[in-house]
Protein backbone atom coordinates (compact mmCIF):
# COMPACT_ATOMS: atom_id res chain seq x y z
CA MET A 1 -35.43 -82.78 110.80
CA LYS A 2 -39.37 -82.39 110.92
CA LYS A 3 -39.85 -85.85 109.87
CA TRP A 4 -38.26 -87.42 112.75
CA LEU A 5 -39.65 -85.23 114.95
CA LEU A 6 -43.26 -86.08 113.87
CA LEU A 7 -42.27 -89.82 113.93
CA LEU A 8 -41.22 -89.63 117.30
CA VAL A 9 -44.78 -87.93 118.19
CA PHE A 10 -46.49 -90.72 116.54
CA LEU A 11 -44.31 -93.79 117.92
CA PRO A 12 -45.81 -94.28 120.92
CA LEU A 13 -49.41 -94.57 119.04
CA ILE A 14 -47.83 -97.37 116.93
CA PRO A 15 -48.67 -100.80 118.25
CA SER A 16 -45.05 -102.49 117.13
CA LEU A 17 -41.96 -101.10 115.22
CA GLY A 18 -39.62 -102.20 113.01
CA PHE A 19 -41.19 -105.92 112.36
CA PRO A 20 -40.59 -106.84 109.04
CA GLY A 21 -44.31 -108.33 107.72
CA TRP A 22 -47.46 -109.10 108.73
CA VAL A 23 -48.99 -109.58 112.51
CA THR A 24 -52.02 -110.79 114.05
CA GLN A 25 -54.04 -108.09 116.10
CA THR A 26 -56.53 -109.69 118.74
CA SER A 27 -60.32 -109.20 117.51
CA GLY A 28 -61.90 -110.35 120.41
CA THR A 29 -64.42 -112.06 118.07
CA ASP A 30 -64.56 -115.44 116.37
CA ARG A 31 -67.11 -113.76 113.78
CA ASN A 32 -66.41 -113.35 110.12
CA LEU A 33 -64.84 -110.22 109.18
CA ARG A 34 -65.84 -108.44 106.04
CA ASP A 35 -64.40 -105.03 105.59
CA VAL A 36 -62.20 -102.43 107.36
CA TRP A 37 -61.62 -99.15 107.34
CA TYR A 38 -59.34 -96.45 108.91
CA LEU A 39 -59.62 -92.51 109.32
CA TYR A 40 -56.25 -91.04 109.66
CA ASP A 41 -56.40 -87.84 110.65
CA PRO A 42 -56.96 -86.43 113.07
CA PHE A 43 -58.32 -89.10 115.36
CA TYR A 44 -56.98 -92.36 114.35
CA ARG A 45 -60.17 -94.31 114.46
CA GLY A 46 -60.42 -97.59 112.47
CA TRP A 47 -63.36 -99.91 112.20
CA ALA A 48 -63.98 -103.51 111.10
CA VAL A 49 -67.35 -104.83 110.23
CA GLY A 50 -68.99 -108.10 109.93
CA ASP A 51 -70.97 -111.37 110.59
CA SER A 52 -74.23 -110.86 112.66
CA GLY A 53 -73.97 -106.71 112.84
CA THR A 54 -70.60 -107.01 114.43
CA ILE A 55 -68.66 -103.61 114.35
CA LEU A 56 -65.20 -103.11 116.12
CA THR A 57 -63.29 -100.05 116.31
CA THR A 58 -59.47 -98.95 117.31
CA THR A 59 -57.91 -95.98 118.36
CA ASN A 60 -54.68 -97.01 118.61
CA PHE A 61 -53.82 -98.68 115.23
CA GLY A 62 -54.89 -101.92 116.17
CA THR A 63 -53.25 -102.15 119.37
CA SER A 64 -56.79 -103.12 121.27
CA TRP A 65 -60.18 -103.53 119.30
CA ALA A 66 -63.53 -103.03 121.12
CA PRO A 67 -67.24 -104.00 120.15
CA GLN A 68 -69.57 -100.73 119.27
CA SER A 69 -73.51 -101.30 119.99
CA SER A 70 -74.87 -102.45 116.71
CA PRO A 71 -78.16 -101.90 115.86
CA THR A 72 -78.82 -105.07 113.21
CA SER A 73 -78.02 -108.54 113.38
CA LEU A 74 -77.54 -108.88 109.71
CA THR A 75 -74.12 -109.22 108.01
CA LEU A 76 -72.11 -106.14 107.66
CA TYR A 77 -70.39 -106.51 104.44
CA GLY A 78 -68.89 -102.82 103.75
CA ILE A 79 -67.39 -99.56 105.49
CA ALA A 80 -66.19 -95.88 104.26
CA HIS A 81 -66.23 -92.78 105.81
CA ASP A 82 -66.06 -89.13 104.61
CA PRO A 83 -62.84 -88.63 102.21
CA VAL A 84 -62.46 -85.13 102.87
CA ARG A 85 -62.42 -85.30 106.67
CA GLY A 86 -63.78 -82.02 107.21
CA PHE A 87 -66.40 -81.12 110.17
CA PHE A 88 -67.71 -84.74 109.51
CA ARG A 89 -64.76 -86.55 110.33
CA GLU A 90 -66.67 -88.62 113.01
CA TRP A 91 -69.04 -89.80 110.57
CA ALA A 92 -68.87 -93.26 108.95
CA THR A 93 -71.61 -95.64 106.84
CA ALA A 94 -71.78 -99.35 107.21
CA VAL A 95 -73.44 -101.19 104.86
CA GLY A 96 -75.19 -105.41 104.63
CA GLY A 97 -77.73 -107.42 104.84
CA ASP A 98 -79.02 -111.27 104.10
CA SER A 99 -82.49 -111.80 102.46
CA SER A 100 -82.92 -107.82 103.14
CA GLY A 101 -80.17 -104.86 103.20
CA VAL A 102 -79.49 -102.30 105.88
CA ILE A 103 -77.56 -99.28 105.70
CA LEU A 104 -75.90 -97.63 108.90
CA HIS A 105 -74.44 -94.36 110.04
CA THR A 106 -73.02 -92.64 112.59
CA THR A 107 -71.86 -88.90 113.68
CA ASN A 108 -69.54 -89.77 116.69
CA GLY A 109 -67.42 -92.27 115.71
CA GLY A 110 -69.59 -95.16 116.41
CA ASN A 111 -70.33 -94.39 119.92
CA VAL A 112 -74.38 -94.65 118.63
CA TRP A 113 -74.85 -96.35 115.06
CA SER A 114 -78.26 -95.93 113.96
CA VAL A 115 -80.43 -98.06 110.69
CA ARG A 116 -80.57 -94.97 108.26
CA ALA A 117 -82.28 -97.30 104.95
CA THR A 118 -83.24 -100.90 104.49
CA PRO A 119 -83.06 -101.95 101.30
CA PRO A 120 -84.73 -104.71 99.67
CA SER A 121 -81.83 -106.16 98.64
CA ALA A 122 -78.42 -107.02 100.76
CA MET A 123 -75.66 -104.11 100.36
CA TYR A 124 -72.38 -105.30 99.46
CA ALA A 125 -69.93 -101.80 99.47
CA VAL A 126 -70.01 -98.11 100.36
CA SER A 127 -67.89 -95.55 99.03
CA TYR A 128 -68.21 -91.45 99.29
CA GLY A 129 -67.17 -89.20 96.65
CA ASP A 130 -66.74 -86.43 99.58
CA SER A 131 -68.59 -85.19 102.72
CA LEU A 132 -72.11 -85.12 101.45
CA HIS A 133 -72.23 -87.85 98.40
CA GLY A 134 -72.08 -91.30 98.97
CA TRP A 135 -72.85 -94.75 97.46
CA ALA A 136 -73.81 -97.91 98.57
CA ALA A 137 -74.61 -101.29 95.98
CA GLY A 138 -75.54 -104.57 96.48
CA GLY A 139 -78.00 -107.15 95.10
CA ALA A 140 -80.26 -107.17 91.98
CA GLY A 141 -78.65 -104.20 90.46
CA SER A 142 -79.56 -101.99 93.39
CA ILE A 143 -77.71 -98.74 93.81
CA TRP A 144 -78.51 -96.01 96.75
CA ARG A 145 -77.16 -92.72 97.24
CA THR A 146 -77.10 -89.93 99.63
CA THR A 147 -76.65 -86.59 99.43
CA ASP A 148 -76.95 -85.43 103.09
CA GLY A 149 -73.75 -87.45 104.47
CA GLY A 150 -75.53 -90.75 105.05
CA PHE A 151 -78.40 -89.52 106.93
CA THR A 152 -81.57 -90.36 104.02
CA TRP A 153 -80.74 -92.61 101.09
CA THR A 154 -82.73 -92.94 97.62
CA PHE A 155 -82.87 -95.95 95.23
CA GLN A 156 -80.74 -94.94 91.77
CA ALA A 157 -81.96 -96.80 88.46
CA ALA A 158 -79.08 -98.63 86.96
CA PRO A 159 -79.35 -100.66 83.58
CA LEU A 160 -78.11 -104.10 84.85
CA ARG A 161 -79.74 -106.32 87.45
CA VAL A 162 -76.84 -108.12 88.90
CA THR A 163 -75.15 -108.32 92.06
CA TRP A 164 -72.64 -105.56 92.67
CA TYR A 165 -70.12 -106.49 95.13
CA GLY A 166 -67.68 -103.25 94.88
CA ILE A 167 -67.85 -99.84 94.45
CA TRP A 168 -65.91 -96.95 94.30
CA PHE A 169 -66.20 -93.13 93.65
CA GLU A 170 -63.48 -90.72 92.65
CA ASP A 171 -65.56 -87.57 93.62
CA ALA A 172 -69.24 -86.50 93.41
CA GLN A 173 -69.60 -87.21 89.81
CA ARG A 174 -67.87 -90.27 88.56
CA GLY A 175 -67.56 -93.18 90.23
CA TRP A 176 -67.70 -97.40 89.21
CA VAL A 177 -69.37 -100.61 90.14
CA CYS A 178 -68.54 -103.95 89.90
CA GLY A 179 -70.22 -107.42 90.19
CA THR A 180 -71.22 -110.63 88.62
CA ASN A 181 -70.68 -111.98 85.19
CA GLY A 182 -67.48 -109.75 84.77
CA ALA A 183 -69.83 -106.64 84.84
CA ILE A 184 -68.24 -102.86 85.26
CA MET A 185 -70.47 -99.70 85.50
CA ALA A 186 -69.48 -96.19 85.25
CA THR A 187 -71.09 -93.15 85.98
CA THR A 188 -70.02 -89.39 85.22
CA ASP A 189 -72.94 -87.39 86.70
CA GLY A 190 -73.15 -88.69 90.35
CA GLY A 191 -75.13 -91.84 89.59
CA ALA A 192 -78.16 -90.41 87.33
CA THR A 193 -77.00 -92.58 84.52
CA TRP A 194 -74.94 -95.36 84.39
CA GLY A 195 -73.10 -97.14 81.42
CA SER A 196 -71.14 -100.33 80.79
CA GLN A 197 -67.82 -101.19 80.43
CA ALA A 198 -66.46 -103.97 78.47
CA SER A 199 -64.04 -106.09 81.12
CA GLY A 200 -63.23 -108.96 78.78
CA THR A 201 -64.26 -111.41 81.66
CA SER A 202 -66.88 -113.57 82.79
CA ASP A 203 -65.59 -113.73 86.05
CA THR A 204 -66.94 -112.08 89.52
CA LEU A 205 -65.51 -108.95 90.22
CA ARG A 206 -65.69 -108.11 93.92
CA GLY A 207 -63.31 -105.25 94.71
CA ALA A 208 -62.36 -102.06 93.19
CA SER A 209 -60.37 -99.09 94.07
CA PHE A 210 -59.16 -95.76 92.03
CA TYR A 211 -56.30 -93.29 92.49
CA VAL A 212 -55.81 -91.97 89.18
CA ARG A 213 -55.43 -95.26 87.68
CA GLY A 214 -58.09 -98.03 88.49
CA VAL A 215 -57.97 -101.47 89.45
CA VAL A 216 -61.32 -104.37 90.15
CA VAL A 217 -60.14 -107.67 91.43
CA GLY A 218 -62.48 -110.61 91.38
CA ASP A 219 -62.65 -114.60 91.08
CA SER A 220 -59.88 -117.06 89.79
CA GLY A 221 -56.87 -114.40 90.77
CA LYS A 222 -58.52 -111.89 88.07
CA ILE A 223 -57.03 -108.31 88.45
CA LEU A 224 -58.20 -105.99 85.61
CA ARG A 225 -56.34 -102.39 85.21
CA THR A 226 -57.38 -98.82 83.48
CA ALA A 227 -55.72 -96.22 82.76
CA ASN A 228 -58.80 -94.35 81.26
CA GLY A 229 -61.41 -93.86 83.78
CA GLY A 230 -62.84 -97.39 82.60
CA SER A 231 -62.80 -96.65 78.35
CA THR A 232 -60.68 -99.72 78.02
CA TRP A 233 -59.66 -102.83 80.89
CA SER A 234 -56.45 -104.95 80.59
CA PRO A 235 -56.10 -107.86 82.80
CA VAL A 236 -52.79 -107.91 84.65
CA PRO A 237 -51.30 -111.17 85.96
CA SER A 238 -51.78 -111.71 89.47
CA GLY A 239 -49.92 -115.09 89.80
CA VAL A 240 -52.44 -116.38 91.99
CA SER A 241 -55.78 -118.52 91.45
CA GLU A 242 -57.59 -118.21 94.40
CA ASP A 243 -60.40 -115.69 94.46
CA LEU A 244 -59.97 -112.23 95.24
CA TYR A 245 -62.14 -110.26 97.36
CA SER A 246 -60.62 -106.83 98.27
CA VAL A 247 -58.47 -104.05 96.91
CA TYR A 248 -57.17 -100.85 97.65
CA MET A 249 -54.28 -98.78 95.97
CA ARG A 250 -53.72 -94.87 97.01
CA GLY A 251 -50.16 -94.01 95.28
CA TYR A 252 -47.81 -96.29 97.20
CA ASP A 253 -47.96 -100.09 97.68
CA ALA A 254 -51.64 -101.68 96.56
CA TYR A 255 -52.94 -104.57 98.44
CA ALA A 256 -55.25 -106.99 97.67
CA VAL A 257 -56.59 -110.23 99.53
CA GLY A 258 -58.62 -113.37 99.00
CA ALA A 259 -59.30 -117.01 99.81
CA ASN A 260 -57.15 -119.22 101.71
CA GLY A 261 -55.00 -116.04 103.44
CA ARG A 262 -53.94 -114.60 99.85
CA ILE A 263 -52.39 -110.99 99.86
CA LEU A 264 -50.98 -109.67 97.19
CA LYS A 265 -48.68 -106.42 96.69
CA GLY A 266 -48.92 -104.47 93.93
CA SER A 267 -47.58 -101.31 92.59
CA GLY A 268 -48.74 -98.22 93.33
CA ASP A 269 -50.17 -97.85 89.78
CA GLY A 270 -51.37 -101.80 89.70
CA SER A 271 -49.25 -102.35 86.94
CA THR A 272 -47.82 -105.11 88.43
CA TRP A 273 -48.56 -107.44 91.40
CA ALA A 274 -46.90 -110.48 93.02
CA PRO A 275 -47.65 -112.39 96.13
CA ASP A 276 -47.04 -111.24 99.56
CA THR A 277 -46.37 -113.31 102.62
CA SER A 278 -48.95 -114.32 104.98
CA ILE A 279 -49.53 -115.53 107.73
CA THR A 280 -53.08 -116.81 107.83
CA SER A 281 -54.87 -119.55 105.89
CA LYS A 282 -58.14 -117.87 106.70
CA HIS A 283 -60.18 -116.19 104.19
CA LEU A 284 -59.15 -112.40 103.86
CA ARG A 285 -62.10 -110.17 102.79
CA GLY A 286 -61.68 -106.57 103.39
CA ILE A 287 -58.49 -104.32 102.76
CA HIS A 288 -57.05 -101.07 103.84
CA TYR A 289 -54.05 -98.71 104.56
CA ILE A 290 -53.21 -95.22 105.56
CA LEU A 291 -50.14 -93.06 105.26
CA SER A 292 -49.79 -91.39 108.99
CA ALA A 293 -48.74 -88.22 109.96
CA ASP A 294 -44.92 -89.55 110.35
CA TRP A 295 -45.05 -91.05 106.89
CA ALA A 296 -45.48 -94.22 108.09
CA ILE A 297 -47.91 -96.84 105.85
CA HIS A 298 -50.34 -98.82 107.98
CA VAL A 299 -51.99 -101.80 106.64
CA TRP A 300 -55.04 -103.98 107.74
CA ALA A 301 -56.59 -107.24 106.34
CA VAL A 302 -59.19 -108.42 108.03
CA GLY A 303 -61.25 -111.95 107.42
CA ASP A 304 -62.82 -115.25 108.40
CA SER A 305 -62.87 -116.10 112.62
CA GLY A 306 -62.50 -112.59 113.53
CA GLU A 307 -58.93 -112.50 111.39
CA ILE A 308 -56.96 -109.22 111.49
CA LEU A 309 -53.69 -108.66 110.20
CA TYR A 310 -51.74 -105.58 110.33
CA LYS A 311 -48.48 -104.58 108.65
CA PHE A 312 -46.36 -101.24 109.75
CA ILE A 313 -43.52 -100.05 107.08
CA LEU A 314 -41.51 -97.61 109.36
CA SER A 315 -41.14 -94.75 106.61
CA VAL A 316 -41.47 -93.89 102.80
CA GLY A 317 -39.97 -90.73 103.26
CA ALA A 318 -40.71 -87.43 102.01
CA GLU A 319 -39.11 -87.71 98.41
CA GLU A 320 -40.58 -88.92 95.34
CA GLU A 321 -41.45 -92.44 95.23
CA SER A 322 -39.95 -94.59 91.67
CA SER A 323 -39.63 -98.12 92.23
CA ASN A 324 -43.25 -98.49 93.14
CA GLY A 325 -44.59 -96.71 89.80
CA TRP A 326 -44.81 -93.43 90.96
CA GLY A 327 -42.02 -90.49 90.46
CA LYS A 328 -41.62 -87.27 89.29
CA LEU A 329 -43.75 -85.35 87.23
CA SER A 330 -42.59 -84.97 83.61
CA ALA A 331 -43.44 -83.54 80.25
CA GLY A 332 -41.74 -83.83 77.13
CA GLY A 333 -39.33 -86.22 79.17
CA GLU A 334 -38.45 -83.80 81.46
CA PRO A 335 -38.74 -84.07 85.17
CA ARG A 336 -40.38 -81.47 87.22
CA THR A 337 -39.78 -81.39 91.00
CA ALA A 338 -41.88 -79.41 93.44
CA HIS A 339 -40.05 -76.53 95.44
CA PRO A 340 -40.30 -76.34 98.45
CA ASN A 341 -41.33 -79.49 99.53
CA PRO A 342 -42.57 -80.15 102.31
CA PHE A 343 -43.92 -76.50 102.44
CA THR A 344 -46.15 -74.49 104.66
CA SER A 345 -47.98 -71.69 102.28
CA PHE A 346 -47.77 -73.23 98.70
CA THR A 347 -45.10 -74.75 96.68
CA THR A 348 -44.01 -74.46 92.85
CA LEU A 349 -43.09 -75.99 89.64
CA PRO A 350 -40.06 -73.96 88.57
CA GLY A 351 -40.30 -73.41 84.83
CA HIS A 352 -44.36 -74.32 84.62
CA GLU A 353 -45.48 -71.63 86.80
CA ALA A 354 -48.42 -71.08 84.39
CA ASP A 355 -49.17 -75.02 83.73
CA LEU A 356 -52.51 -76.33 85.41
CA PHE A 357 -51.74 -79.20 87.97
CA ALA A 358 -54.20 -81.28 89.93
CA LEU A 359 -54.23 -82.22 93.32
CA TYR A 360 -55.18 -85.49 95.29
CA ASP A 361 -55.29 -86.22 98.74
CA ILE A 362 -53.85 -89.30 100.15
CA SER A 363 -57.37 -91.17 99.66
CA GLY A 364 -57.31 -90.73 96.17
CA ARG A 365 -60.04 -87.77 96.46
CA ARG A 366 -59.36 -84.91 93.87
CA VAL A 367 -59.09 -81.79 96.02
CA GLY A 368 -58.74 -79.14 93.17
CA VAL A 369 -56.62 -77.64 89.98
CA TYR A 370 -53.87 -75.38 90.75
CA LYS A 371 -51.39 -73.51 88.53
CA GLY A 372 -47.89 -74.59 88.87
CA ASP A 373 -46.65 -71.27 90.55
CA ARG A 374 -48.97 -71.59 93.97
CA ILE A 375 -49.47 -75.32 94.51
CA GLY A 376 -51.31 -76.15 97.67
CA GLU A 377 -52.41 -72.85 98.77
CA GLY A 378 -55.13 -72.61 100.98
CA LEU A 379 -55.08 -76.54 102.05
CA ARG A 380 -54.78 -77.77 105.40
CA ALA A 381 -51.63 -79.30 106.29
CA GLY A 382 -51.51 -83.34 105.04
CA VAL A 383 -49.78 -85.65 102.45
CA TYR A 384 -51.13 -84.78 98.71
CA PHE A 385 -50.03 -85.95 95.48
CA VAL A 386 -49.85 -83.76 92.55
CA ARG A 387 -50.34 -84.56 88.50
CA ALA A 388 -50.33 -82.56 85.53
CA GLU A 389 -53.70 -81.85 84.51
CA SER A 390 -53.47 -83.10 80.84
CA GLY A 391 -53.02 -86.44 82.70
CA ASP A 392 -49.13 -86.70 81.39
CA GLY A 393 -46.50 -88.12 83.59
CA LYS A 394 -46.53 -89.74 87.02
CA PRO A 395 -47.69 -87.99 89.87
CA VAL A 396 -45.37 -86.62 92.87
CA ARG A 397 -45.89 -86.42 96.50
CA ILE A 398 -45.82 -83.04 98.27
CA VAL A 399 -46.40 -82.35 101.96
CA LYS A 400 -47.85 -79.47 103.69
CA VAL A 401 -46.66 -79.19 107.07
CA ARG A 402 -48.62 -76.80 108.83
């Protein structure tokens, strides 16, 4: 009953209800769009960025997009937001460049964007590990870091001078970059040191996303997956030959987009992929999705000539999912379920009260470790995933309602 009450509250915000696939949203621009990001709680604000410094915003799931004043005319390739969504929920960072780079920042939802750094090389991707720690990556092996939420940026040395097109940080310490010649590097100390990881390919890798497991995508339909933080990367059949530019996975479905309007839909753990029906032949360069408070999935893809595609999946339910590669926690072959779920104060895993479990928010960020008798205590309301700290079994979704 609570789920349906929440759904009724949020229905007026949803632009279309019940359509079976992708639809086009009006961007109001014919400039190429390079990336998209949506802040799902509590303001429901999204951004898309692209050529000539273009910044678009929406506060109604894309029913309408409006331009924001940009302080640069350089191409913007990436945008990201504080994943913790605490006091800094209206902050965001956009990066880009051409012959030189630019890093923009806003603290008020984009009403004002300011230039915070001008790296000597173009920046192609940005990622935050928490509210204060973020990284941008780009040409000539360039990696830049902020420790104050995006106000100031400093250069971090990296051992490979390739062009980095994709970056993802799971928290303030663990992150990955990918780029030309199949290069992948990882850090476990916030970028103080970086180590190379063997990708097994020489294809350019252009996008990365992690949610317990990790996926990178690149040229010629290349998809690589890791289940151990990148110690080993294995190819996953994509079934396509087009270049793939962006990937996003958050525990339900995963999505990747690329040249000629190509859209791939993957399992939540990134282990299987198949083409999704697309309604455009324009290159798609950015992908992002959220799970809103009504337990619905909202997906955006952006691309050339101002293309914005949107997909709405009515409800994923409050139960554990199994068809997408995620399911009940298990140990020794025995399933575990959280009770109660949804919950108001904390939930428990009967029979495993003394065991330790890691908790992740819907953005894939690790938010803490809990014993099985009081999981989620002290957290704000929201959707989370809990997994055995040992790494055994599959994560299960839990919902804190207040």
